[in-house]
Amino acid sequence: MTGNATHRFSNTAILTVQTVDASQIVTSAAFDEQLGDTYQRVGLRPGLLQRLAGIEERRWWADGVSFTDGAATAGAKAISESGVDPAHIGLMVNTSVSRKHLEPSTAVAVHDALGLPSSCQNFDVTNACLGFINGMELAAAMIDVGMVEYALVVNGEDSRPVQERTIDLLNRPDTVAKDVMGHFATLTLGSGAVAMVLGRADRHPEGHRLVGSVSRAGTEHHQLCTGDNDGMQTDLKGLLAAGLDLSGELWADAAAEFDWARGMDRYVIHQVSKVHTGALCDRFGIDRALVPTTFPTRGNLGPASVPFTLASQADTLTDGDRVLLMGIGSGLNACCLEIAW
């Protein structure tokens, strides 16, 4: 059986989306320097991250600052900016891929740091790079049916531990060029945090309404990118090809209900690399001038990348603009979510 999962939202709006930058800038040139001997030995030229991915730098959290701290700080900013009384937040969803423990959930630490009420449900929702969008969908569904009045979706990511381990791994004397390319995606990651407050649209006409979302699964590709706290292995070409095909199928089937092909005012695409962004634009005929990018200076922030990039555009969007969030997550899953700004 094939097809999309489609949902239209009836009464949910984004009240605010806020970001927190990790403080330490780590350049791709610094990674090249650390991997210089390996590159020379296996016959690869430095500059792969800049040339292939278009990533000049990414960020790491400072010593003593965790991704959970970042998520909590972003959450506090979002709550303050929204003007919502924290006592009225009935749901907090953490969508981080990064995690220190298998249990308890990361959400409990963020909930505690924010001092949210005991009546606020809190849990993790993880789905690779689509986690935040899925968290938005879940929050909107609960708001639409009246389960909660306000929801907070948070994310904090920390690329430093896995990147340090990967550099150590690639500097082993038995490393070959295939190993470098298999771990290449790990070096594109970045650290940062983001949070979004959602509420009832009928009570917040100033908000930005969620219109509808479409998703499609291609889980036969779940082995193309696998990772844990020690490293990530990726079939770069296979992942790109399968992701484009899956997104193309989603896009074609969604055309019966959504007129996205006629053009949106902004396309917020999950930030992977210039190759990935360019390929999606070419496949769907998207004007690249309408596609903001954050990967050159932030890298791939995982599930934080779509809302982080959306936040960067907030001051440039006007009432009535149509915004399409687009992402492909390892596994594979693809999703698009339309917002009426």
Protein backbone atom coordinates (compact mmCIF):
# COMPACT_ATOMS: atom_id res chain seq x y z
CA MET A 1 0.00 0.00 0.00
CA THR A 2 1.26 3.45 -0.89
CA GLY A 3 0.08 6.98 -0.24
CA ASN A 4 0.43 10.01 1.96
CA ALA A 5 -0.83 10.72 5.46
CA THR A 6 -2.64 14.06 5.28
CA HIS A 7 -4.01 16.26 8.05
CA ARG A 8 -5.57 19.70 8.10
CA PHE A 9 -5.43 21.78 11.27
CA SER A 10 -8.46 23.73 12.41
CA ASN A 11 -7.51 26.02 15.29
CA THR A 12 -3.77 26.10 16.01
CA ALA A 13 -1.35 28.98 15.56
CA ILE A 14 2.34 29.54 16.20
CA LEU A 15 2.71 32.33 18.73
CA THR A 16 6.50 32.54 18.64
CA VAL A 17 9.62 30.60 17.73
CA GLN A 18 12.91 31.43 19.47
CA THR A 19 16.49 30.19 19.10
CA VAL A 20 19.62 29.86 21.19
CA ASP A 21 23.05 29.69 19.56
CA ALA A 22 25.80 27.56 21.01
CA SER A 23 28.68 29.89 21.79
CA GLN A 24 31.77 28.22 20.32
CA ILE A 25 32.34 28.59 16.58
CA VAL A 26 34.13 25.58 15.07
CA THR A 27 35.23 26.00 11.46
CA SER A 28 35.41 23.30 8.84
CA ALA A 29 38.99 24.42 8.27
CA ALA A 30 39.72 23.41 11.88
CA PHE A 31 38.37 19.92 11.15
CA ASP A 32 40.54 19.78 8.03
CA GLU A 33 43.57 20.62 10.11
CA GLN A 34 42.80 17.87 12.60
CA LEU A 35 42.26 15.35 9.79
CA GLY A 36 45.14 16.58 7.62
CA ASP A 37 47.34 13.51 8.00
CA THR A 38 44.42 11.17 7.34
CA TYR A 39 43.37 13.06 4.22
CA GLN A 40 46.89 12.96 2.86
CA ARG A 41 47.29 9.23 3.60
CA VAL A 42 43.99 8.17 1.97
CA GLY A 43 44.30 10.52 -1.01
CA LEU A 44 41.57 13.06 -0.19
CA ARG A 45 41.92 16.82 -0.48
CA PRO A 46 41.09 19.08 2.49
CA GLY A 47 38.05 21.30 2.07
CA LEU A 48 35.46 18.54 1.55
CA LEU A 49 33.02 20.09 3.99
CA GLN A 50 33.20 23.47 2.29
CA ARG A 51 33.21 22.18 -1.30
CA LEU A 52 30.65 19.39 -1.07
CA ALA A 53 28.38 20.52 1.74
CA GLY A 54 28.87 24.29 1.68
CA ILE A 55 29.40 24.29 5.45
CA GLU A 56 31.98 26.83 6.58
CA GLU A 57 31.41 26.43 10.31
CA ARG A 58 29.16 25.07 13.00
CA ARG A 59 28.84 25.67 16.75
CA TRP A 60 29.53 23.73 19.93
CA TRP A 61 28.23 24.40 23.42
CA ALA A 62 30.76 25.80 25.87
CA ASP A 63 32.19 23.53 28.54
CA GLY A 64 29.63 23.00 31.25
CA VAL A 65 26.66 23.91 29.02
CA SER A 66 24.50 21.03 27.84
CA PHE A 67 22.00 20.72 25.01
CA THR A 68 19.35 20.40 27.72
CA ASP A 69 20.41 23.80 29.07
CA GLY A 70 20.06 25.17 25.55
CA ALA A 71 16.58 23.71 25.11
CA ALA A 72 15.47 25.13 28.45
CA THR A 73 16.88 28.57 27.61
CA ALA A 74 15.11 28.54 24.25
CA GLY A 75 11.92 27.45 25.99
CA ALA A 76 12.15 30.30 28.49
CA LYS A 77 12.68 32.80 25.67
CA ALA A 78 9.70 31.45 23.75
CA ILE A 79 7.38 31.54 26.77
CA SER A 80 8.46 35.09 27.61
CA GLU A 81 8.05 36.29 24.03
CA SER A 82 4.62 34.68 23.68
CA GLY A 83 3.24 36.35 26.80
CA VAL A 84 1.59 33.08 27.80
CA ASP A 85 1.31 32.30 31.50
CA PRO A 86 3.41 29.13 32.02
CA ALA A 87 0.64 27.82 34.27
CA HIS A 88 -1.55 27.50 31.16
CA ILE A 89 0.90 25.38 29.16
CA GLY A 90 -0.58 21.90 29.12
CA LEU A 91 1.99 20.14 26.93
CA MET A 92 5.77 20.24 26.51
CA VAL A 93 7.32 18.08 23.81
CA ASN A 94 11.08 17.62 23.56
CA THR A 95 12.22 16.55 20.09
CA SER A 96 16.00 16.31 20.53
CA VAL A 97 17.99 13.55 18.87
CA SER A 98 20.73 14.25 21.41
CA ARG A 99 20.23 12.47 24.69
CA LYS A 100 22.41 11.64 27.66
CA HIS A 101 20.34 8.77 29.05
CA LEU A 102 18.00 6.14 27.65
CA GLU A 103 15.71 7.05 30.52
CA PRO A 104 14.23 9.16 31.88
CA SER A 105 13.17 11.32 28.96
CA THR A 106 15.11 14.48 28.19
CA ALA A 107 11.78 16.29 28.48
CA VAL A 108 11.69 15.91 32.26
CA ALA A 109 14.94 17.88 32.68
CA VAL A 110 13.65 20.70 30.47
CA HIS A 111 10.27 20.69 32.23
CA ASP A 112 12.02 20.98 35.59
CA ALA A 113 14.40 23.71 34.43
CA LEU A 114 11.47 25.77 33.15
CA GLY A 115 9.44 25.30 36.31
CA LEU A 116 6.40 24.22 34.31
CA PRO A 117 3.32 23.13 36.29
CA SER A 118 2.72 19.54 37.34
CA SER A 119 -0.34 19.55 35.08
CA CYS A 120 1.86 20.02 32.00
CA GLN A 121 2.31 16.72 30.18
CA ASN A 122 5.89 16.25 29.04
CA PHE A 123 7.63 13.63 26.93
CA ASP A 124 10.08 13.06 24.09
CA VAL A 125 9.13 12.65 20.44
CA THR A 126 12.05 11.54 18.28
CA ASN A 127 12.04 10.90 14.56
CA ALA A 128 15.51 11.89 13.35
CA CYS A 129 15.45 15.29 11.63
CA LEU A 130 11.63 15.38 11.44
CA GLY A 131 11.14 15.28 15.20
CA PHE A 132 10.31 18.96 15.65
CA ILE A 133 7.76 19.00 12.83
CA ASN A 134 6.18 15.87 14.30
CA GLY A 135 6.11 17.60 17.69
CA MET A 136 4.28 20.54 16.09
CA GLU A 137 1.75 18.17 14.51
CA LEU A 138 1.10 16.39 17.80
CA ALA A 139 0.77 19.65 19.72
CA ALA A 140 -1.62 21.05 17.10
CA ALA A 141 -3.78 17.93 17.20
CA MET A 142 -4.08 18.20 20.99
CA ILE A 143 -4.89 21.91 20.79
CA ASP A 144 -7.46 21.38 18.03
CA VAL A 145 -9.39 18.78 20.03
CA GLY A 146 -9.23 20.83 23.23
CA MET A 147 -6.89 18.62 25.25
CA VAL A 148 -4.55 21.54 25.93
CA GLU A 149 -4.73 25.31 25.53
CA TYR A 150 -1.05 25.95 24.91
CA ALA A 151 1.88 23.76 23.94
CA LEU A 152 5.65 24.21 23.98
CA VAL A 153 7.87 22.28 21.57
CA VAL A 154 11.62 22.38 22.32
CA ASN A 155 14.82 21.00 20.87
CA GLY A 156 18.48 21.10 21.84
CA GLU A 157 21.26 19.38 19.88
CA ASP A 158 24.92 18.79 20.72
CA SER A 159 27.23 17.69 17.92
CA ARG A 160 30.47 18.04 19.88
CA PRO A 161 30.78 14.57 21.51
CA VAL A 162 30.08 12.59 18.35
CA GLN A 163 32.29 14.83 16.23
CA GLU A 164 35.22 14.53 18.64
CA ARG A 165 34.85 10.73 18.63
CA THR A 166 34.58 10.67 14.85
CA ILE A 167 37.76 12.70 14.38
CA ASP A 168 39.58 10.33 16.74
CA LEU A 169 38.21 7.36 14.78
CA LEU A 170 39.22 8.75 11.40
CA ASN A 171 42.73 9.50 12.63
CA ARG A 172 43.41 5.82 13.27
CA PRO A 173 46.13 4.35 11.01
CA ASP A 174 43.78 1.79 9.42
CA THR A 175 41.31 4.42 8.13
CA VAL A 176 40.64 4.35 4.37
CA ALA A 177 38.88 6.86 2.11
CA LYS A 178 35.61 4.89 2.31
CA ASP A 179 35.61 5.35 6.09
CA VAL A 180 35.99 9.11 5.75
CA MET A 181 33.05 9.35 3.35
CA GLY A 182 30.94 7.02 5.50
CA HIS A 183 31.40 9.33 8.49
CA PHE A 184 31.29 12.55 6.45
CA ALA A 185 27.72 13.45 7.46
CA THR A 186 28.72 13.41 11.14
CA LEU A 187 31.09 16.30 10.51
CA THR A 188 28.30 18.40 8.97
CA LEU A 189 26.31 18.49 12.23
CA GLY A 190 25.94 21.52 14.46
CA SER A 191 24.78 22.45 17.96
CA GLY A 192 21.94 24.77 18.89
CA ALA A 193 18.48 25.01 20.41
CA VAL A 194 15.02 26.22 19.47
CA ALA A 195 11.56 26.42 21.02
CA MET A 196 8.05 27.20 19.78
CA VAL A 197 4.86 28.11 21.61
CA LEU A 198 1.58 27.14 19.96
CA GLY A 199 -1.94 28.07 21.02
CA ARG A 200 -5.54 28.37 19.89
CA ALA A 201 -5.86 30.47 16.74
CA ASP A 202 -9.28 31.83 17.72
CA ARG A 203 -7.74 33.37 20.83
CA HIS A 204 -4.62 34.61 19.06
CA PRO A 205 -5.43 36.28 15.73
CA GLU A 206 -1.88 37.64 15.73
CA GLY A 207 -0.55 34.08 15.50
CA HIS A 208 0.52 32.17 12.42
CA ARG A 209 -1.97 29.42 11.58
CA LEU A 210 -1.00 25.86 10.83
CA VAL A 211 -2.85 24.91 7.63
CA GLY A 212 -2.06 21.26 6.99
CA SER A 213 0.64 18.63 6.83
CA VAL A 214 1.49 15.71 4.59
CA SER A 215 3.89 12.89 5.39
CA ARG A 216 5.07 9.74 3.67
CA ALA A 217 7.16 6.79 4.88
CA GLY A 218 9.88 4.96 3.00
CA THR A 219 11.12 2.79 5.85
CA GLU A 220 12.69 0.23 3.55
CA HIS A 221 15.60 2.70 3.57
CA HIS A 222 16.14 2.61 7.35
CA GLN A 223 19.73 1.31 7.03
CA LEU A 224 21.01 4.20 4.90
CA CYS A 225 21.85 6.39 7.90
CA THR A 226 22.31 4.98 11.39
CA GLY A 227 23.85 6.62 14.41
CA ASP A 228 24.33 6.61 18.14
CA ASN A 229 26.34 8.61 20.66
CA ASP A 230 29.58 7.11 19.34
CA GLY A 231 29.17 7.81 15.63
CA MET A 232 27.02 7.92 12.53
CA GLN A 233 27.37 5.93 9.32
CA THR A 234 25.72 7.29 6.18
CA ASP A 235 25.39 6.17 2.58
CA LEU A 236 25.49 9.70 1.20
CA LYS A 237 24.48 8.97 -2.40
CA GLY A 238 21.91 6.36 -1.46
CA LEU A 239 20.32 8.60 1.17
CA LEU A 240 20.06 11.56 -1.19
CA ALA A 241 18.57 9.51 -4.02
CA ALA A 242 16.04 7.73 -1.81
CA GLY A 243 15.09 10.94 -0.04
CA LEU A 244 14.47 12.76 -3.31
CA ASP A 245 12.37 9.89 -4.66
CA LEU A 246 10.29 9.69 -1.47
CA SER A 247 9.75 13.46 -1.44
CA GLY A 248 8.84 13.39 -5.11
CA GLU A 249 6.16 10.78 -4.45
CA LEU A 250 4.82 12.83 -1.52
CA TRP A 251 4.77 16.00 -3.61
CA ALA A 252 2.96 14.37 -6.53
CA ASP A 253 0.24 12.81 -4.39
CA ALA A 254 -0.21 15.98 -2.31
CA ALA A 255 -1.01 18.01 -5.44
CA ALA A 256 -4.62 16.84 -5.32
CA GLU A 257 -5.17 18.72 -2.03
CA PHE A 258 -2.46 21.38 -1.83
CA ASP A 259 -1.36 23.88 -4.48
CA TRP A 260 2.26 24.03 -3.35
CA ALA A 261 3.50 23.66 -6.90
CA ARG A 262 1.97 27.07 -7.73
CA GLY A 263 4.52 28.64 -5.46
CA MET A 264 4.89 29.63 -1.83
CA ASP A 265 6.30 32.82 -0.35
CA ARG A 266 9.00 30.91 1.53
CA TYR A 267 10.26 27.33 1.56
CA VAL A 268 11.96 26.35 4.82
CA ILE A 269 13.86 23.19 3.95
CA HIS A 270 15.70 20.99 6.43
CA GLN A 271 19.31 22.20 6.39
CA VAL A 272 21.66 19.41 5.28
CA SER A 273 23.99 20.82 2.64
CA LYS A 274 24.08 22.82 -0.56
CA VAL A 275 23.83 19.58 -2.55
CA HIS A 276 20.67 18.51 -0.73
CA THR A 277 19.06 21.96 -0.95
CA GLY A 278 19.91 22.37 -4.61
CA ALA A 279 18.62 18.91 -5.49
CA LEU A 280 15.25 19.55 -3.80
CA CYS A 281 14.88 22.92 -5.51
CA ASP A 282 15.64 21.37 -8.89
CA ARG A 283 13.28 18.42 -8.35
CA PHE A 284 10.29 20.63 -7.44
CA GLY A 285 11.09 23.73 -9.48
CA ILE A 286 11.52 25.90 -6.39
CA ASP A 287 13.04 29.36 -6.77
CA ARG A 288 16.22 29.24 -4.69
CA ALA A 289 15.75 32.90 -3.77
CA LEU A 290 12.78 31.76 -1.67
CA VAL A 291 14.83 29.16 0.23
CA PRO A 292 16.70 30.62 3.23
CA THR A 293 19.79 28.73 4.39
CA THR A 294 21.45 28.42 7.77
CA PHE A 295 23.70 25.43 7.08
CA PRO A 296 26.73 27.49 5.94
CA THR A 297 27.25 28.88 9.46
CA ARG A 298 25.28 26.44 11.66
CA GLY A 299 25.66 23.10 9.90
CA ASN A 300 22.94 20.48 10.10
CA LEU A 301 21.12 21.12 13.37
CA GLY A 302 19.05 17.95 13.02
CA PRO A 303 15.41 18.43 14.04
CA ALA A 304 16.22 21.98 15.20
CA SER A 305 17.20 23.09 11.70
CA VAL A 306 13.72 23.73 10.24
CA PRO A 307 12.38 25.81 13.17
CA PHE A 308 15.79 27.50 13.61
CA THR A 309 15.70 28.59 9.96
CA LEU A 310 12.04 29.61 10.27
CA ALA A 311 12.95 31.82 13.23
CA SER A 312 15.61 33.52 11.12
CA GLN A 313 12.89 34.55 8.65
CA ALA A 314 10.27 35.78 11.12
CA ASP A 315 11.13 39.45 10.68
CA THR A 316 11.02 39.21 6.89
CA LEU A 317 7.60 37.53 6.63
CA THR A 318 4.37 39.51 6.41
CA ASP A 319 0.75 38.71 7.20
CA GLY A 320 -0.68 36.34 4.64
CA ASP A 321 2.62 34.89 3.47
CA ARG A 322 2.49 31.17 2.79
CA VAL A 323 5.36 29.21 4.30
CA LEU A 324 6.12 25.55 3.64
CA LEU A 325 8.25 23.56 6.07
CA MET A 326 9.94 20.65 4.30
CA GLY A 327 12.04 17.83 5.70
CA ILE A 328 13.38 14.35 5.14
CA GLY A 329 14.40 12.31 8.16
CA SER A 330 16.62 9.25 8.34
CA GLY A 331 14.51 6.17 8.30
CA LEU A 332 13.22 7.40 5.81
CA ASN A 333 10.27 9.73 6.38
CA ALA A 334 9.34 12.90 4.51
CA CYS A 335 7.02 15.69 5.61
CA CYS A 336 5.68 19.06 4.50
CA LEU A 337 3.73 21.43 6.76
CA GLU A 338 2.10 24.64 5.54
CA ILE A 339 1.82 27.77 7.67
CA ALA A 340 -0.32 30.82 6.88
CA TRP A 341 1.85 33.58 8.30
